[in-house]
Amino acid sequence: MHSPPSDSSGGSNDLLVEIIETLETCGLEDDSYQLHDYVDPDALEQVIASADENITVQFTVEGIPLDVSPDGVDVIVEDESQSVGE
């Protein structure tokens, strides 16, 4: 059985950095929000790291919907062709 070392915060830091960089790419400044108000970063890392199958966690920070999986962090983009109606 594999268990991560107790000081394995590197993975969590990598995930946090990726989330923050993704939000910055969307124009959100890092001093305009507190990430822990939207998601528990430690719990998120544990869920992603411990999943036996492909898992996706979705949450929204300051109106920016995110999709976090073992593959990385993505912004959820709605399909505009379905939402446009006349």
N, C-alpha and C. Protein backbone atom coordinates (compact mmCIF):
# COMPACT_ATOMS: atom_id res chain seq x y z
N MET A 1 0.86 -1.18 0.00
CA MET A 1 0.00 0.00 0.00
C MET A 1 0.90 1.24 0.00
N HIS A 2 0.58 2.19 -0.81
CA HIS A 2 1.37 3.41 -0.93
C HIS A 2 0.71 4.52 -0.13
N SER A 3 1.48 5.16 0.72
CA SER A 3 0.96 6.32 1.41
C SER A 3 1.96 7.45 1.29
N PRO A 4 1.46 8.64 0.94
CA PRO A 4 2.37 9.76 0.72
C PRO A 4 3.06 10.17 2.01
N PRO A 5 4.25 10.69 1.91
CA PRO A 5 4.94 11.19 3.11
C PRO A 5 4.15 12.32 3.74
N SER A 6 4.30 12.49 5.04
CA SER A 6 3.51 13.49 5.75
C SER A 6 3.85 14.91 5.31
N ASP A 7 5.02 15.11 4.73
CA ASP A 7 5.39 16.45 4.28
C ASP A 7 5.21 16.60 2.77
N SER A 8 4.24 15.91 2.20
CA SER A 8 4.04 15.91 0.75
C SER A 8 3.19 17.09 0.29
N SER A 9 3.47 18.28 0.81
CA SER A 9 2.69 19.45 0.44
C SER A 9 3.05 19.94 -0.96
N GLY A 10 4.07 19.39 -1.58
CA GLY A 10 4.47 19.80 -2.92
C GLY A 10 3.36 19.61 -3.93
N GLY A 11 2.65 18.48 -3.87
CA GLY A 11 1.54 18.23 -4.78
C GLY A 11 0.44 19.23 -4.59
N SER A 12 0.13 19.51 -3.33
CA SER A 12 -0.91 20.48 -3.02
C SER A 12 -0.52 21.85 -3.52
N ASN A 13 0.75 22.23 -3.30
CA ASN A 13 1.22 23.52 -3.77
C ASN A 13 1.16 23.61 -5.28
N ASP A 14 1.50 22.51 -5.97
CA ASP A 14 1.42 22.51 -7.42
C ASP A 14 -0.02 22.73 -7.88
N LEU A 15 -0.96 22.08 -7.23
CA LEU A 15 -2.37 22.23 -7.59
C LEU A 15 -2.83 23.66 -7.32
N LEU A 16 -2.45 24.21 -6.18
CA LEU A 16 -2.82 25.58 -5.85
C LEU A 16 -2.25 26.56 -6.85
N VAL A 17 -1.00 26.37 -7.21
CA VAL A 17 -0.36 27.26 -8.19
C VAL A 17 -1.10 27.17 -9.52
N GLU A 18 -1.46 25.96 -9.92
CA GLU A 18 -2.17 25.80 -11.19
C GLU A 18 -3.54 26.46 -11.15
N ILE A 19 -4.25 26.35 -10.03
CA ILE A 19 -5.56 27.01 -9.89
C ILE A 19 -5.38 28.52 -9.97
N ILE A 20 -4.41 29.06 -9.24
CA ILE A 20 -4.17 30.50 -9.22
C ILE A 20 -3.75 31.01 -10.59
N GLU A 21 -2.87 30.28 -11.26
CA GLU A 21 -2.45 30.70 -12.61
C GLU A 21 -3.62 30.68 -13.58
N THR A 22 -4.50 29.70 -13.45
CA THR A 22 -5.67 29.62 -14.32
C THR A 22 -6.58 30.81 -14.08
N LEU A 23 -6.80 31.16 -12.81
CA LEU A 23 -7.64 32.33 -12.49
C LEU A 23 -7.00 33.62 -12.98
N GLU A 24 -5.68 33.74 -12.86
CA GLU A 24 -4.99 34.93 -13.36
C GLU A 24 -5.11 35.04 -14.87
N THR A 25 -5.06 33.90 -15.58
CA THR A 25 -5.22 33.90 -17.03
C THR A 25 -6.59 34.44 -17.42
N CYS A 26 -7.57 34.23 -16.54
CA CYS A 26 -8.93 34.73 -16.79
C CYS A 26 -9.09 36.18 -16.35
N GLY A 27 -8.01 36.80 -15.86
CA GLY A 27 -8.05 38.20 -15.48
C GLY A 27 -8.35 38.47 -14.02
N LEU A 28 -8.39 37.43 -13.19
CA LEU A 28 -8.67 37.59 -11.77
C LEU A 28 -7.35 37.77 -11.02
N GLU A 29 -7.20 38.89 -10.33
CA GLU A 29 -5.98 39.15 -9.59
C GLU A 29 -5.98 38.34 -8.30
N ASP A 30 -4.80 37.84 -7.93
CA ASP A 30 -4.71 36.94 -6.77
C ASP A 30 -5.04 37.62 -5.44
N ASP A 31 -5.03 38.94 -5.39
CA ASP A 31 -5.37 39.62 -4.14
C ASP A 31 -6.84 40.04 -4.09
N SER A 32 -7.63 39.62 -5.08
CA SER A 32 -9.04 40.02 -5.11
C SER A 32 -9.97 38.94 -4.56
N TYR A 33 -9.43 37.81 -4.09
CA TYR A 33 -10.24 36.72 -3.56
C TYR A 33 -9.42 35.90 -2.58
N GLN A 34 -10.10 35.13 -1.76
CA GLN A 34 -9.47 34.16 -0.86
C GLN A 34 -9.92 32.78 -1.33
N LEU A 35 -9.01 32.00 -1.88
CA LEU A 35 -9.37 30.70 -2.44
C LEU A 35 -10.08 29.81 -1.43
N HIS A 36 -9.64 29.86 -0.17
CA HIS A 36 -10.26 29.01 0.84
C HIS A 36 -11.72 29.39 1.13
N ASP A 37 -12.19 30.54 0.64
CA ASP A 37 -13.60 30.89 0.75
C ASP A 37 -14.46 30.09 -0.23
N TYR A 38 -13.83 29.48 -1.24
CA TYR A 38 -14.54 28.77 -2.29
C TYR A 38 -14.33 27.26 -2.22
N VAL A 39 -13.16 26.84 -1.76
CA VAL A 39 -12.84 25.41 -1.73
C VAL A 39 -11.76 25.18 -0.67
N ASP A 40 -11.77 24.02 -0.06
CA ASP A 40 -10.72 23.64 0.88
C ASP A 40 -9.58 23.03 0.05
N PRO A 41 -8.49 23.78 -0.14
CA PRO A 41 -7.41 23.29 -1.01
C PRO A 41 -6.82 21.95 -0.57
N ASP A 42 -6.68 21.74 0.74
CA ASP A 42 -6.13 20.47 1.22
C ASP A 42 -7.07 19.31 0.93
N ALA A 43 -8.36 19.52 1.17
CA ALA A 43 -9.34 18.47 0.89
C ALA A 43 -9.41 18.20 -0.61
N LEU A 44 -9.34 19.25 -1.42
CA LEU A 44 -9.37 19.08 -2.87
C LEU A 44 -8.19 18.22 -3.33
N GLU A 45 -7.00 18.52 -2.83
CA GLU A 45 -5.82 17.75 -3.18
C GLU A 45 -5.96 16.29 -2.76
N GLN A 46 -6.51 16.05 -1.57
CA GLN A 46 -6.69 14.68 -1.09
C GLN A 46 -7.67 13.91 -1.97
N VAL A 47 -8.76 14.56 -2.36
CA VAL A 47 -9.75 13.90 -3.22
C VAL A 47 -9.13 13.56 -4.57
N ILE A 48 -8.44 14.51 -5.18
CA ILE A 48 -7.83 14.28 -6.49
C ILE A 48 -6.76 13.19 -6.39
N ALA A 49 -5.92 13.24 -5.37
CA ALA A 49 -4.81 12.29 -5.24
C ALA A 49 -5.28 10.89 -4.88
N SER A 50 -6.39 10.76 -4.17
CA SER A 50 -6.81 9.45 -3.68
C SER A 50 -7.85 8.76 -4.55
N ALA A 51 -8.30 9.41 -5.59
CA ALA A 51 -9.34 8.82 -6.44
C ALA A 51 -8.79 7.61 -7.19
N ASP A 52 -9.55 6.51 -7.16
CA ASP A 52 -9.15 5.30 -7.88
C ASP A 52 -9.47 5.42 -9.37
N GLU A 53 -10.40 6.26 -9.69
CA GLU A 53 -10.79 6.45 -11.09
C GLU A 53 -10.69 7.92 -11.42
N ASN A 54 -10.89 8.24 -12.68
CA ASN A 54 -10.83 9.63 -13.10
C ASN A 54 -11.95 10.42 -12.42
N ILE A 55 -11.58 11.47 -11.72
CA ILE A 55 -12.54 12.27 -10.97
C ILE A 55 -12.38 13.73 -11.40
N THR A 56 -13.49 14.45 -11.34
CA THR A 56 -13.48 15.87 -11.64
C THR A 56 -14.22 16.60 -10.53
N VAL A 57 -13.62 17.66 -10.03
CA VAL A 57 -14.25 18.51 -9.03
C VAL A 57 -14.47 19.86 -9.68
N GLN A 58 -15.71 20.33 -9.62
CA GLN A 58 -16.04 21.62 -10.22
C GLN A 58 -16.44 22.60 -9.13
N PHE A 59 -15.94 23.83 -9.25
CA PHE A 59 -16.33 24.91 -8.34
C PHE A 59 -16.10 26.23 -9.05
N THR A 60 -16.67 27.28 -8.51
CA THR A 60 -16.60 28.60 -9.14
C THR A 60 -15.94 29.59 -8.18
N VAL A 61 -14.99 30.36 -8.70
CA VAL A 61 -14.31 31.39 -7.94
C VAL A 61 -14.57 32.72 -8.62
N GLU A 62 -15.23 33.63 -7.91
CA GLU A 62 -15.52 34.95 -8.45
C GLU A 62 -16.14 34.89 -9.85
N GLY A 63 -17.07 33.96 -10.04
CA GLY A 63 -17.77 33.83 -11.32
C GLY A 63 -17.03 33.03 -12.38
N ILE A 64 -15.86 32.51 -12.06
CA ILE A 64 -15.09 31.71 -13.01
C ILE A 64 -15.24 30.24 -12.65
N PRO A 65 -15.96 29.47 -13.49
CA PRO A 65 -16.15 28.05 -13.19
C PRO A 65 -14.92 27.24 -13.55
N LEU A 66 -14.45 26.44 -12.59
CA LEU A 66 -13.25 25.63 -12.78
C LEU A 66 -13.57 24.15 -12.72
N ASP A 67 -12.77 23.38 -13.41
CA ASP A 67 -12.87 21.93 -13.46
C ASP A 67 -11.48 21.40 -13.08
N VAL A 68 -11.38 20.74 -11.92
CA VAL A 68 -10.09 20.25 -11.45
C VAL A 68 -10.11 18.73 -11.49
N SER A 69 -9.09 18.16 -12.13
CA SER A 69 -8.98 16.71 -12.25
C SER A 69 -7.50 16.35 -12.11
N PRO A 70 -7.19 15.06 -12.06
CA PRO A 70 -5.77 14.67 -12.01
C PRO A 70 -4.99 15.18 -13.23
N ASP A 71 -5.69 15.49 -14.31
CA ASP A 71 -5.03 15.99 -15.52
C ASP A 71 -4.72 17.47 -15.45
N GLY A 72 -5.32 18.20 -14.50
CA GLY A 72 -5.05 19.62 -14.38
C GLY A 72 -6.28 20.44 -14.08
N VAL A 73 -6.15 21.74 -14.29
CA VAL A 73 -7.21 22.70 -14.00
C VAL A 73 -7.64 23.33 -15.31
N ASP A 74 -8.94 23.34 -15.55
CA ASP A 74 -9.50 23.95 -16.76
C ASP A 74 -10.64 24.88 -16.39
N VAL A 75 -10.84 25.88 -17.23
CA VAL A 75 -12.00 26.76 -17.10
C VAL A 75 -13.14 26.10 -17.85
N ILE A 76 -14.29 26.03 -17.22
CA ILE A 76 -15.46 25.44 -17.88
C ILE A 76 -16.05 26.49 -18.80
N VAL A 77 -16.12 26.16 -20.07
CA VAL A 77 -16.66 27.07 -21.08
C VAL A 77 -17.98 26.49 -21.56
N GLU A 78 -19.03 27.29 -21.40
CA GLU A 78 -20.33 26.83 -21.88
C GLU A 78 -20.35 26.87 -23.40
N ASP A 79 -21.04 25.93 -23.98
CA ASP A 79 -21.19 25.87 -25.43
C ASP A 79 -22.14 26.98 -25.85
N GLU A 80 -21.60 28.06 -26.44
CA GLU A 80 -22.41 29.21 -26.82
C GLU A 80 -23.43 28.88 -27.88
N SER A 81 -23.17 27.88 -28.70
CA SER A 81 -24.11 27.56 -29.77
C SER A 81 -25.42 27.01 -29.20
N GLN A 82 -25.37 26.44 -27.98
CA GLN A 82 -26.59 25.94 -27.37
C GLN A 82 -27.33 27.01 -26.60
N SER A 83 -26.61 28.06 -26.16
CA SER A 83 -27.25 29.07 -25.34
C SER A 83 -27.78 30.26 -26.15
N VAL A 84 -27.46 30.31 -27.42
CA VAL A 84 -27.93 31.40 -28.26
C VAL A 84 -29.24 30.98 -28.90
N GLY A 85 -30.26 31.75 -28.63
CA GLY A 85 -31.57 31.43 -29.21
C GLY A 85 -32.30 32.68 -29.62
N GLU A 86 -32.98 32.60 -30.72
CA GLU A 86 -33.75 33.77 -31.17
C GLU A 86 -35.19 33.40 -31.31
